Amino acid sequence: GLSPVSPIHVYTHREVYGTVGSRVTLSCSFWSSEWISEDISITWHFQAESSRDSISIFHYAQGQPYIDDVGSFKDRIEWAGNPRRKDGSIVIHGLEPTDNGTFTCDVKNPP
């Protein structure tokens, strides 16, 4: 049989502004009627303003943050979230003009 699925509501700021060289916090909070499992995962994606493709820039799984070690965000992302507090936020340091684009926070709480 199929197991029932409950939605997770994810909240982010519609627009976030920063200046070149500074840091910015990308907030991601979520709500679920289900308990937060140990298997929760949070993935941040980035789509550059001039691109159709989005890339994964950060992943949290099995209680550990994984920051992609390639690409323009290498060494500039800091995990600022706490899944037990329903928070999947990250900080981007050393903002660059090419960071302009769309960031998406994706939360999965299996089963």
PDB file of N, CA and C in Angstrom:
ATOM      1  N   GLY A   1       0.811  -1.186   0.000  1.00  0.00           N
ATOM      2  CA  GLY A   1       0.000   0.000   0.000  1.00  0.00           C
ATOM      3  C   GLY A   1       0.850   1.243   0.000  1.00  0.00           C
ATOM      4  N   LEU A   2       0.218   2.312  -0.312  1.00  0.00           N
ATOM      5  CA  LEU A   2       0.889   3.608  -0.304  1.00  0.00           C
ATOM      6  C   LEU A   2       0.833   4.215   1.079  1.00  0.00           C
ATOM      7  N   SER A   3       1.953   4.834   1.485  1.00  0.00           N
ATOM      8  CA  SER A   3       1.943   5.531   2.769  1.00  0.00           C
ATOM      9  C   SER A   3       1.459   6.959   2.544  1.00  0.00           C
ATOM     10  N   PRO A   4       0.764   7.511   3.520  1.00  0.00           N
ATOM     11  CA  PRO A   4       0.270   8.879   3.339  1.00  0.00           C
ATOM     12  C   PRO A   4       1.425   9.879   3.290  1.00  0.00           C
ATOM     13  N   VAL A   5       1.226  10.937   2.555  1.00  0.00           N
ATOM     14  CA  VAL A   5       2.250  11.971   2.405  1.00  0.00           C
ATOM     15  C   VAL A   5       1.716  13.256   3.011  1.00  0.00           C
ATOM     16  N   SER A   6       2.541  13.896   3.844  1.00  0.00           N
ATOM     17  CA  SER A   6       2.177  15.189   4.423  1.00  0.00           C
ATOM     18  C   SER A   6       3.082  16.261   3.835  1.00  0.00           C
ATOM     19  N   PRO A   7       2.534  17.399   3.504  1.00  0.00           N
ATOM     20  CA  PRO A   7       3.363  18.446   2.910  1.00  0.00           C
ATOM     21  C   PRO A   7       4.273  19.104   3.942  1.00  0.00           C
ATOM     22  N   ILE A   8       5.378  19.625   3.436  1.00  0.00           N
ATOM     23  CA  ILE A   8       6.251  20.481   4.229  1.00  0.00           C
ATOM     24  C   ILE A   8       6.119  21.872   3.627  1.00  0.00           C
ATOM     25  N   HIS A   9       5.828  22.828   4.452  1.00  0.00           N
ATOM     26  CA  HIS A   9       5.726  24.211   3.994  1.00  0.00           C
ATOM     27  C   HIS A   9       7.077  24.873   4.225  1.00  0.00           C
ATOM     28  N   VAL A  10       7.653  25.436   3.164  1.00  0.00           N
ATOM     29  CA  VAL A  10       8.968  26.061   3.226  1.00  0.00           C
ATOM     30  C   VAL A  10       8.802  27.555   3.012  1.00  0.00           C
ATOM     31  N   TYR A  11       9.455  28.331   3.870  1.00  0.00           N
ATOM     32  CA  TYR A  11       9.346  29.790   3.808  1.00  0.00           C
ATOM     33  C   TYR A  11      10.730  30.410   3.627  1.00  0.00           C
ATOM     34  N   THR A  12      10.842  31.310   2.660  1.00  0.00           N
ATOM     35  CA  THR A  12      12.069  32.068   2.434  1.00  0.00           C
ATOM     36  C   THR A  12      11.682  33.518   2.147  1.00  0.00           C
ATOM     37  N   HIS A  13      12.667  34.398   2.205  1.00  0.00           N
ATOM     38  CA  HIS A  13      12.419  35.784   1.816  1.00  0.00           C
ATOM     39  C   HIS A  13      12.332  35.836   0.293  1.00  0.00           C
ATOM     40  N   ARG A  14      11.401  36.623  -0.194  1.00  0.00           N
ATOM     41  CA  ARG A  14      11.228  36.735  -1.641  1.00  0.00           C
ATOM     42  C   ARG A  14      12.460  37.359  -2.283  1.00  0.00           C
ATOM     43  N   GLU A  15      12.993  38.388  -1.671  1.00  0.00           N
ATOM     44  CA  GLU A  15      14.197  39.038  -2.190  1.00  0.00           C
ATOM     45  C   GLU A  15      15.142  39.340  -1.040  1.00  0.00           C
ATOM     46  N   VAL A  16      16.432  39.150  -1.289  1.00  0.00           N
ATOM     47  CA  VAL A  16      17.478  39.441  -0.313  1.00  0.00           C
ATOM     48  C   VAL A  16      18.531  40.267  -1.038  1.00  0.00           C
ATOM     49  N   TYR A  17      18.980  41.319  -0.388  1.00  0.00           N
ATOM     50  CA  TYR A  17      19.969  42.197  -0.998  1.00  0.00           C
ATOM     51  C   TYR A  17      21.252  42.177  -0.187  1.00  0.00           C
ATOM     52  N   GLY A  18      22.378  42.283  -0.900  1.00  0.00           N
ATOM     53  CA  GLY A  18      23.678  42.384  -0.246  1.00  0.00           C
ATOM     54  C   GLY A  18      24.597  43.210  -1.125  1.00  0.00           C
ATOM     55  N   THR A  19      25.702  43.640  -0.552  1.00  0.00           N
ATOM     56  CA  THR A  19      26.676  44.408  -1.319  1.00  0.00           C
ATOM     57  C   THR A  19      27.905  43.542  -1.570  1.00  0.00           C
ATOM     58  N   VAL A  20      28.581  43.816  -2.674  1.00  0.00           N
ATOM     59  CA  VAL A  20      29.766  43.056  -3.056  1.00  0.00           C
ATOM     60  C   VAL A  20      30.772  43.072  -1.902  1.00  0.00           C
ATOM     61  N   GLY A  21      31.280  41.896  -1.581  1.00  0.00           N
ATOM     62  CA  GLY A  21      32.259  41.757  -0.506  1.00  0.00           C
ATOM     63  C   GLY A  21      31.656  41.475   0.858  1.00  0.00           C
ATOM     64  N   SER A  22      30.360  41.720   1.025  1.00  0.00           N
ATOM     65  CA  SER A  22      29.726  41.502   2.332  1.00  0.00           C
ATOM     66  C   SER A  22      29.192  40.077   2.418  1.00  0.00           C
ATOM     67  N   ARG A  23      28.446  39.797   3.470  1.00  0.00           N
ATOM     68  CA  ARG A  23      27.825  38.490   3.645  1.00  0.00           C
ATOM     69  C   ARG A  23      26.321  38.663   3.715  1.00  0.00           C
ATOM     70  N   VAL A  24      25.612  37.616   3.385  1.00  0.00           N
ATOM     71  CA  VAL A  24      24.157  37.672   3.443  1.00  0.00           C
ATOM     72  C   VAL A  24      23.651  36.320   3.954  1.00  0.00           C
ATOM     73  N   THR A  25      22.596  36.382   4.772  1.00  0.00           N
ATOM     74  CA  THR A  25      21.963  35.160   5.260  1.00  0.00           C
ATOM     75  C   THR A  25      20.749  34.859   4.391  1.00  0.00           C
ATOM     76  N   LEU A  26      20.710  33.636   3.876  1.00  0.00           N
ATOM     77  CA  LEU A  26      19.544  33.175   3.125  1.00  0.00           C
ATOM     78  C   LEU A  26      18.726  32.327   4.084  1.00  0.00           C
ATOM     79  N   SER A  27      17.614  32.885   4.536  1.00  0.00           N
ATOM     80  CA  SER A  27      16.779  32.213   5.524  1.00  0.00           C
ATOM     81  C   SER A  27      15.888  31.180   4.862  1.00  0.00           C
ATOM     82  N   CYS A  28      15.726  30.057   5.546  1.00  0.00           N
ATOM     83  CA  CYS A  28      14.830  28.999   5.076  1.00  0.00           C
ATOM     84  C   CYS A  28      14.232  28.352   6.319  1.00  0.00           C
ATOM     85  N   SER A  29      12.960  28.622   6.557  1.00  0.00           N
ATOM     86  CA  SER A  29      12.286  27.956   7.667  1.00  0.00           C
ATOM     87  C   SER A  29      11.204  27.058   7.077  1.00  0.00           C
ATOM     88  N   PHE A  30      10.845  26.027   7.828  1.00  0.00           N
ATOM     89  CA  PHE A  30       9.859  25.089   7.301  1.00  0.00           C
ATOM     90  C   PHE A  30       8.953  24.617   8.417  1.00  0.00           C
ATOM     91  N   TRP A  31       7.799  24.109   8.010  1.00  0.00           N
ATOM     92  CA  TRP A  31       6.819  23.602   8.955  1.00  0.00           C
ATOM     93  C   TRP A  31       6.226  22.319   8.415  1.00  0.00           C
ATOM     94  N   SER A  32       6.081  21.349   9.289  1.00  0.00           N
ATOM     95  CA  SER A  32       5.465  20.088   8.921  1.00  0.00           C
ATOM     96  C   SER A  32       4.625  19.612  10.086  1.00  0.00           C
ATOM     97  N   SER A  33       3.507  18.988   9.782  1.00  0.00           N
ATOM     98  CA  SER A  33       2.672  18.435  10.848  1.00  0.00           C
ATOM     99  C   SER A  33       3.293  17.152  11.405  1.00  0.00           C
ATOM    100  N   GLU A  34       4.270  16.612  10.682  1.00  0.00           N
ATOM    101  CA  GLU A  34       4.962  15.402  11.119  1.00  0.00           C
ATOM    102  C   GLU A  34       6.204  15.762  11.921  1.00  0.00           C
ATOM    103  N   TRP A  35       6.656  14.827  12.756  1.00  0.00           N
ATOM    104  CA  TRP A  35       7.901  15.056  13.494  1.00  0.00           C
ATOM    105  C   TRP A  35       9.066  15.111  12.514  1.00  0.00           C
ATOM    106  N   ILE A  36      10.101  15.824  12.886  1.00  0.00           N
ATOM    107  CA  ILE A  36      11.278  15.976  12.028  1.00  0.00           C
ATOM    108  C   ILE A  36      12.149  14.734  12.198  1.00  0.00           C
ATOM    109  N   SER A  37      12.280  13.959  11.127  1.00  0.00           N
ATOM    110  CA  SER A  37      12.997  12.692  11.209  1.00  0.00           C
ATOM    111  C   SER A  37      14.508  12.910  11.156  1.00  0.00           C
ATOM    112  N   GLU A  38      15.247  11.885  11.558  1.00  0.00           N
ATOM    113  CA  GLU A  38      16.712  11.929  11.476  1.00  0.00           C
ATOM    114  C   GLU A  38      17.171  11.937  10.019  1.00  0.00           C
ATOM    115  N   ASP A  39      16.278  11.559   9.106  1.00  0.00           N
ATOM    116  CA  ASP A  39      16.628  11.482   7.684  1.00  0.00           C
ATOM    117  C   ASP A  39      16.297  12.763   6.934  1.00  0.00           C
ATOM    118  N   ILE A  40      15.987  13.837   7.657  1.00  0.00           N
ATOM    119  CA  ILE A  40      15.650  15.093   6.977  1.00  0.00           C
ATOM    120  C   ILE A  40      16.825  15.535   6.104  1.00  0.00           C
ATOM    121  N   SER A  41      16.499  16.077   4.941  1.00  0.00           N
ATOM    122  CA  SER A  41      17.543  16.632   4.077  1.00  0.00           C
ATOM    123  C   SER A  41      17.125  18.018   3.612  1.00  0.00           C
ATOM    124  N   ILE A  42      18.126  18.868   3.478  1.00  0.00           N
ATOM    125  CA  ILE A  42      17.917  20.247   3.021  1.00  0.00           C
ATOM    126  C   ILE A  42      18.922  20.501   1.908  1.00  0.00           C
ATOM    127  N   THR A  43      18.438  20.972   0.767  1.00  0.00           N
ATOM    128  CA  THR A  43      19.322  21.263  -0.356  1.00  0.00           C
ATOM    129  C   THR A  43      19.058  22.686  -0.835  1.00  0.00           C
ATOM    130  N   TRP A  44      20.135  23.434  -1.023  1.00  0.00           N
ATOM    131  CA  TRP A  44      20.040  24.760  -1.616  1.00  0.00           C
ATOM    132  C   TRP A  44      20.519  24.679  -3.057  1.00  0.00           C
ATOM    133  N   HIS A  45      19.735  25.275  -3.960  1.00  0.00           N
ATOM    134  CA  HIS A  45      20.084  25.341  -5.378  1.00  0.00           C
ATOM    135  C   HIS A  45      20.256  26.807  -5.765  1.00  0.00           C
ATOM    136  N   PHE A  46      21.079  27.043  -6.775  1.00  0.00           N
ATOM    137  CA  PHE A  46      21.300  28.382  -7.292  1.00  0.00           C
ATOM    138  C   PHE A  46      21.130  28.372  -8.806  1.00  0.00           C
ATOM    139  N   GLN A  47      20.347  29.341  -9.294  1.00  0.00           N
ATOM    140  CA  GLN A  47      20.205  29.546 -10.737  1.00  0.00           C
ATOM    141  C   GLN A  47      20.664  30.965 -11.040  1.00  0.00           C
ATOM    142  N   ALA A  48      21.778  31.070 -11.733  1.00  0.00           N
ATOM    143  CA  ALA A  48      22.313  32.392 -12.086  1.00  0.00           C
ATOM    144  C   ALA A  48      21.310  33.134 -12.953  1.00  0.00           C
ATOM    145  N   GLU A  49      21.349  34.444 -12.845  1.00  0.00           N
ATOM    146  CA  GLU A  49      20.414  35.291 -13.580  1.00  0.00           C
ATOM    147  C   GLU A  49      20.462  35.019 -15.086  1.00  0.00           C
ATOM    148  N   SER A  50      21.650  34.684 -15.582  1.00  0.00           N
ATOM    149  CA  SER A  50      21.843  34.506 -17.021  1.00  0.00           C
ATOM    150  C   SER A  50      21.752  33.040 -17.456  1.00  0.00           C
ATOM    151  N   SER A  51      21.275  32.147 -16.555  1.00  0.00           N
ATOM    152  CA  SER A  51      21.289  30.721 -16.858  1.00  0.00           C
ATOM    153  C   SER A  51      19.898  30.102 -16.743  1.00  0.00           C
ATOM    154  N   ARG A  52      19.686  29.024 -17.497  1.00  0.00           N
ATOM    155  CA  ARG A  52      18.438  28.266 -17.375  1.00  0.00           C
ATOM    156  C   ARG A  52      18.614  27.120 -16.385  1.00  0.00           C
ATOM    157  N   ASP A  53      19.858  26.771 -16.092  1.00  0.00           N
ATOM    158  CA  ASP A  53      20.139  25.616 -15.241  1.00  0.00           C
ATOM    159  C   ASP A  53      20.369  26.037 -13.800  1.00  0.00           C
ATOM    160  N   SER A  54      19.923  25.190 -12.876  1.00  0.00           N
ATOM    161  CA  SER A  54      20.232  25.443 -11.481  1.00  0.00           C
ATOM    162  C   SER A  54      21.228  24.392 -11.021  1.00  0.00           C
ATOM    163  N   ILE A  55      22.084  24.788 -10.083  1.00  0.00           N
ATOM    164  CA  ILE A  55      23.094  23.882  -9.549  1.00  0.00           C
ATOM    165  C   ILE A  55      22.889  23.746  -8.048  1.00  0.00           C
ATOM    166  N   SER A  56      23.258  22.606  -7.524  1.00  0.00           N
ATOM    167  CA  SER A  56      23.214  22.393  -6.082  1.00  0.00           C
ATOM    168  C   SER A  56      24.458  23.031  -5.475  1.00  0.00           C
ATOM    169  N   ILE A  57      24.263  23.875  -4.442  1.00  0.00           N
ATOM    170  CA  ILE A  57      25.424  24.522  -3.823  1.00  0.00           C
ATOM    171  C   ILE A  57      25.612  24.100  -2.368  1.00  0.00           C
ATOM    172  N   PHE A  58      24.584  23.462  -1.774  1.00  0.00           N
ATOM    173  CA  PHE A  58      24.687  23.052  -0.368  1.00  0.00           C
ATOM    174  C   PHE A  58      23.709  21.918  -0.115  1.00  0.00           C
ATOM    175  N   HIS A  59      24.140  20.977   0.732  1.00  0.00           N
ATOM    176  CA  HIS A  59      23.267  19.857   1.078  1.00  0.00           C
ATOM    177  C   HIS A  59      23.468  19.505   2.551  1.00  0.00           C
ATOM    178  N   TYR A  60      22.369  19.250   3.227  1.00  0.00           N
ATOM    179  CA  TYR A  60      22.400  18.779   4.615  1.00  0.00           C
ATOM    180  C   TYR A  60      21.700  17.433   4.647  1.00  0.00           C
ATOM    181  N   ALA A  61      22.392  16.416   5.146  1.00  0.00           N
ATOM    182  CA  ALA A  61      21.797  15.080   5.235  1.00  0.00           C
ATOM    183  C   ALA A  61      22.468  14.293   6.346  1.00  0.00           C
ATOM    184  N   GLN A  62      21.726  13.376   6.967  1.00  0.00           N
ATOM    185  CA  GLN A  62      22.226  12.530   8.047  1.00  0.00           C
ATOM    186  C   GLN A  62      22.939  13.335   9.133  1.00  0.00           C
ATOM    187  N   GLY A  63      22.371  14.521   9.416  1.00  0.00           N
ATOM    188  CA  GLY A  63      22.908  15.340  10.494  1.00  0.00           C
ATOM    189  C   GLY A  63      24.180  16.089  10.169  1.00  0.00           C
ATOM    190  N   GLN A  64      24.591  16.104   8.896  1.00  0.00           N
ATOM    191  CA  GLN A  64      25.843  16.756   8.507  1.00  0.00           C
ATOM    192  C   GLN A  64      25.634  17.725   7.345  1.00  0.00           C
ATOM    193  N   PRO A  65      26.272  18.917   7.416  1.00  0.00           N
ATOM    194  CA  PRO A  65      26.242  19.815   6.264  1.00  0.00           C
ATOM    195  C   PRO A  65      27.315  19.414   5.246  1.00  0.00           C
ATOM    196  N   TYR A  66      26.955  19.480   3.975  1.00  0.00           N
ATOM    197  CA  TYR A  66      27.895  19.195   2.894  1.00  0.00           C
ATOM    198  C   TYR A  66      27.917  20.390   1.970  1.00  0.00           C
ATOM    199  N   ILE A  67      29.046  21.083   1.945  1.00  0.00           N
ATOM    200  CA  ILE A  67      29.186  22.256   1.089  1.00  0.00           C
ATOM    201  C   ILE A  67      29.938  21.820  -0.158  1.00  0.00           C
ATOM    202  N   ASP A  68      29.361  22.072  -1.324  1.00  0.00           N
ATOM    203  CA  ASP A  68      30.015  21.663  -2.565  1.00  0.00           C
ATOM    204  C   ASP A  68      31.406  22.289  -2.647  1.00  0.00           C
ATOM    205  N   ASP A  69      32.400  21.457  -2.990  1.00  0.00           N
ATOM    206  CA  ASP A  69      33.777  21.950  -3.005  1.00  0.00           C
ATOM    207  C   ASP A  69      34.238  22.350  -4.401  1.00  0.00           C
ATOM    208  N   VAL A  70      33.254  22.585  -5.275  1.00  0.00           N
ATOM    209  CA  VAL A  70      33.567  23.106  -6.606  1.00  0.00           C
ATOM    210  C   VAL A  70      32.617  24.265  -6.873  1.00  0.00           C
ATOM    211  N   GLY A  71      32.914  25.027  -7.887  1.00  0.00           N
ATOM    212  CA  GLY A  71      32.010  26.104  -8.274  1.00  0.00           C
ATOM    213  C   GLY A  71      32.312  27.405  -7.564  1.00  0.00           C
ATOM    214  N   SER A  72      31.527  28.419  -7.896  1.00  0.00           N
ATOM    215  CA  SER A  72      31.818  29.772  -7.416  1.00  0.00           C
ATOM    216  C   SER A  72      31.502  29.969  -5.938  1.00  0.00           C
ATOM    217  N   PHE A  73      30.757  29.040  -5.317  1.00  0.00           N
ATOM    218  CA  PHE A  73      30.422  29.209  -3.904  1.00  0.00           C
ATOM    219  C   PHE A  73      31.359  28.429  -2.984  1.00  0.00           C
ATOM    220  N   LYS A  74      32.345  27.754  -3.586  1.00  0.00           N
ATOM    221  CA  LYS A  74      33.302  26.977  -2.803  1.00  0.00           C
ATOM    222  C   LYS A  74      33.953  27.862  -1.739  1.00  0.00           C
ATOM    223  N   ASP A  75      33.987  27.387  -0.518  1.00  0.00           N
ATOM    224  CA  ASP A  75      34.613  28.083   0.621  1.00  0.00           C
ATOM    225  C   ASP A  75      33.902  29.374   1.023  1.00  0.00           C
ATOM    226  N   ARG A  76      32.695  29.618   0.501  1.00  0.00           N
ATOM    227  CA  ARG A  76      32.001  30.859   0.857  1.00  0.00           C
ATOM    228  C   ARG A  76      30.665  30.620   1.545  1.00  0.00           C
ATOM    229  N   ILE A  77      30.258  29.359   1.696  1.00  0.00           N
ATOM    230  CA  ILE A  77      28.969  29.052   2.315  1.00  0.00           C
ATOM    231  C   ILE A  77      29.172  28.551   3.729  1.00  0.00           C
ATOM    232  N   GLU A  78      28.329  29.037   4.618  1.00  0.00           N
ATOM    233  CA  GLU A  78      28.350  28.621   6.025  1.00  0.00           C
ATOM    234  C   GLU A  78      26.948  28.122   6.394  1.00  0.00           C
ATOM    235  N   TRP A  79      26.889  26.953   7.000  1.00  0.00           N
ATOM    236  CA  TRP A  79      25.622  26.386   7.478  1.00  0.00           C
ATOM    237  C   TRP A  79      25.192  27.159   8.718  1.00  0.00           C
ATOM    238  N   ALA A  80      23.984  27.697   8.717  1.00  0.00           N
ATOM    239  CA  ALA A  80      23.486  28.484   9.846  1.00  0.00           C
ATOM    240  C   ALA A  80      22.179  27.914  10.377  1.00  0.00           C
ATOM    241  N   GLY A  81      21.764  26.777   9.845  1.00  0.00           N
ATOM    242  CA  GLY A  81      20.465  26.213  10.199  1.00  0.00           C
ATOM    243  C   GLY A  81      20.504  25.262  11.379  1.00  0.00           C
ATOM    244  N   ASN A  82      19.326  24.839  11.776  1.00  0.00           N
ATOM    245  CA  ASN A  82      19.143  23.842  12.826  1.00  0.00           C
ATOM    246  C   ASN A  82      17.816  23.133  12.545  1.00  0.00           C
ATOM    247  N   PRO A  83      17.870  21.948  11.924  1.00  0.00           N
ATOM    248  CA  PRO A  83      16.628  21.269  11.542  1.00  0.00           C
ATOM    249  C   PRO A  83      15.667  21.028  12.710  1.00  0.00           C
ATOM    250  N   ARG A  84      16.186  20.827  13.911  1.00  0.00           N
ATOM    251  CA  ARG A  84      15.290  20.621  15.054  1.00  0.00           C
ATOM    252  C   ARG A  84      14.464  21.871  15.347  1.00  0.00           C
ATOM    253  N   ARG A  85      14.996  23.022  14.933  1.00  0.00           N
ATOM    254  CA  ARG A  85      14.259  24.286  15.087  1.00  0.00           C
ATOM    255  C   ARG A  85      13.578  24.667  13.779  1.00  0.00           C
ATOM    256  N   LYS A  86      13.524  23.713  12.843  1.00  0.00           N
ATOM    257  CA  LYS A  86      12.884  23.920  11.534  1.00  0.00           C
ATOM    258  C   LYS A  86      13.529  25.073  10.765  1.00  0.00           C
ATOM    259  N   ASP A  87      14.864  25.073  10.769  1.00  0.00           N
ATOM    260  CA  ASP A  87      15.641  26.140  10.143  1.00  0.00           C
ATOM    261  C   ASP A  87      16.686  25.517   9.216  1.00  0.00           C
ATOM    262  N   GLY A  88      16.667  25.924   7.948  1.00  0.00           N
ATOM    263  CA  GLY A  88      17.636  25.428   6.974  1.00  0.00           C
ATOM    264  C   GLY A  88      18.428  26.546   6.340  1.00  0.00           C
ATOM    265  N   SER A  89      18.732  27.586   7.109  1.00  0.00           N
ATOM    266  CA  SER A  89      19.384  28.790   6.577  1.00  0.00           C
ATOM    267  C   SER A  89      20.876  28.576   6.316  1.00  0.00           C
ATOM    268  N   ILE A  90      21.388  29.331   5.350  1.00  0.00           N
ATOM    269  CA  ILE A  90      22.823  29.358   5.063  1.00  0.00           C
ATOM    270  C   ILE A  90      23.289  30.811   4.987  1.00  0.00           C
ATOM    271  N   VAL A  91      24.596  31.009   5.122  1.00  0.00           N
ATOM    272  CA  VAL A  91      25.208  32.330   4.966  1.00  0.00           C
ATOM    273  C   VAL A  91      26.178  32.242   3.795  1.00  0.00           C
ATOM    274  N   ILE A  92      26.138  33.241   2.926  1.00  0.00           N
ATOM    275  CA  ILE A  92      27.106  33.333   1.838  1.00  0.00           C
ATOM    276  C   ILE A  92      28.032  34.504   2.150  1.00  0.00           C
ATOM    277  N   HIS A  93      29.322  34.227   2.174  1.00  0.00           N
ATOM    278  CA  HIS A  93      30.341  35.235   2.469  1.00  0.00           C
ATOM    279  C   HIS A  93      30.957  35.759   1.177  1.00  0.00           C
ATOM    280  N   GLY A  94      31.536  36.947   1.252  1.00  0.00           N
ATOM    281  CA  GLY A  94      32.261  37.510   0.108  1.00  0.00           C
ATOM    282  C   GLY A  94      31.426  37.587  -1.154  1.00  0.00           C
ATOM    283  N   LEU A  95      30.280  38.243  -1.043  1.00  0.00           N
ATOM    284  CA  LEU A  95      29.375  38.331  -2.198  1.00  0.00           C
ATOM    285  C   LEU A  95      30.083  38.863  -3.441  1.00  0.00           C
ATOM    286  N   GLU A  96      29.723  38.277  -4.567  1.00  0.00           N
ATOM    287  CA  GLU A  96      30.281  38.673  -5.854  1.00  0.00           C
ATOM    288  C   GLU A  96      29.127  39.050  -6.789  1.00  0.00           C
ATOM    289  N   PRO A  97      29.379  39.894  -7.787  1.00  0.00           N
ATOM    290  CA  PRO A  97      28.299  40.261  -8.717  1.00  0.00           C
ATOM    291  C   PRO A  97      27.648  39.041  -9.375  1.00  0.00           C
ATOM    292  N   THR A  98      28.407  37.975  -9.584  1.00  0.00           N
ATOM    293  CA  THR A  98      27.872  36.783 -10.241  1.00  0.00           C
ATOM    294  C   THR A  98      26.967  35.957  -9.320  1.00  0.00           C
ATOM    295  N   ASP A  99      26.848  36.360  -8.053  1.00  0.00           N
ATOM    296  CA  ASP A  99      25.946  35.654  -7.135  1.00  0.00           C
ATOM    297  C   ASP A  99      24.491  36.056  -7.342  1.00  0.00           C
ATOM    298  N   ASN A 100      24.261  37.037  -8.207  1.00  0.00           N
ATOM    299  CA  ASN A 100      22.903  37.490  -8.467  1.00  0.00           C
ATOM    300  C   ASN A 100      22.131  36.383  -9.181  1.00  0.00           C
ATOM    301  N   GLY A 101      20.976  36.026  -8.641  1.00  0.00           N
ATOM    302  CA  GLY A 101      20.177  34.973  -9.245  1.00  0.00           C
ATOM    303  C   GLY A 101      19.123  34.476  -8.278  1.00  0.00           C
ATOM    304  N   THR A 102      18.647  33.269  -8.516  1.00  0.00           N
ATOM    305  CA  THR A 102      17.582  32.686  -7.707  1.00  0.00           C
ATOM    306  C   THR A 102      18.136  31.533  -6.872  1.00  0.00           C
ATOM    307  N   PHE A 103      17.923  31.619  -5.571  1.00  0.00           N
ATOM    308  CA  PHE A 103      18.312  30.564  -4.643  1.00  0.00           C
ATOM    309  C   PHE A 103      17.049  29.859  -4.175  1.00  0.00           C
ATOM    310  N   THR A 104      17.087  28.540  -4.142  1.00  0.00           N
ATOM    311  CA  THR A 104      15.925  27.744  -3.757  1.00  0.00           C
ATOM    312  C   THR A 104      16.308  26.794  -2.637  1.00  0.00           C
ATOM    313  N   CYS A 105      15.477  26.764  -1.597  1.00  0.00           N
ATOM    314  CA  CYS A 105      15.667  25.864  -0.463  1.00  0.00           C
ATOM    315  C   CYS A 105      14.664  24.717  -0.606  1.00  0.00           C
ATOM    316  N   ASP A 106      15.167  23.485  -0.614  1.00  0.00           N
ATOM    317  CA  ASP A 106      14.332  22.289  -0.788  1.00  0.00           C
ATOM    318  C   ASP A 106      14.489  21.418   0.449  1.00  0.00           C
ATOM    319  N   VAL A 107      13.380  21.131   1.125  1.00  0.00           N
ATOM    320  CA  VAL A 107      13.411  20.339   2.355  1.00  0.00           C
ATOM    321  C   VAL A 107      12.633  19.045   2.160  1.00  0.00           C
ATOM    322  N   LYS A 108      13.236  17.934   2.538  1.00  0.00           N
ATOM    323  CA  LYS A 108      12.574  16.630   2.488  1.00  0.00           C
ATOM    324  C   LYS A 108      12.649  15.997   3.875  1.00  0.00           C
ATOM    325  N   ASN A 109      11.528  15.469   4.343  1.00  0.00           N
ATOM    326  CA  ASN A 109      11.431  14.875   5.679  1.00  0.00           C
ATOM    327  C   ASN A 109      10.841  13.465   5.552  1.00  0.00           C
ATOM    328  N   PRO A 110      11.679  12.488   5.113  1.00  0.00           N
ATOM    329  CA  PRO A 110      11.127  11.141   4.926  1.00  0.00           C
ATOM    330  C   PRO A 110      10.722  10.499   6.241  1.00  0.00           C
ATOM    331  N   PRO A 111       9.838   9.526   6.281  1.00  0.00           N
ATOM    332  CA  PRO A 111       9.199   8.947   5.094  1.00  0.00           C
ATOM    333  C   PRO A 111       8.185   9.908   4.640  1.00  0.00           C
TER     334      PRO A 111
END
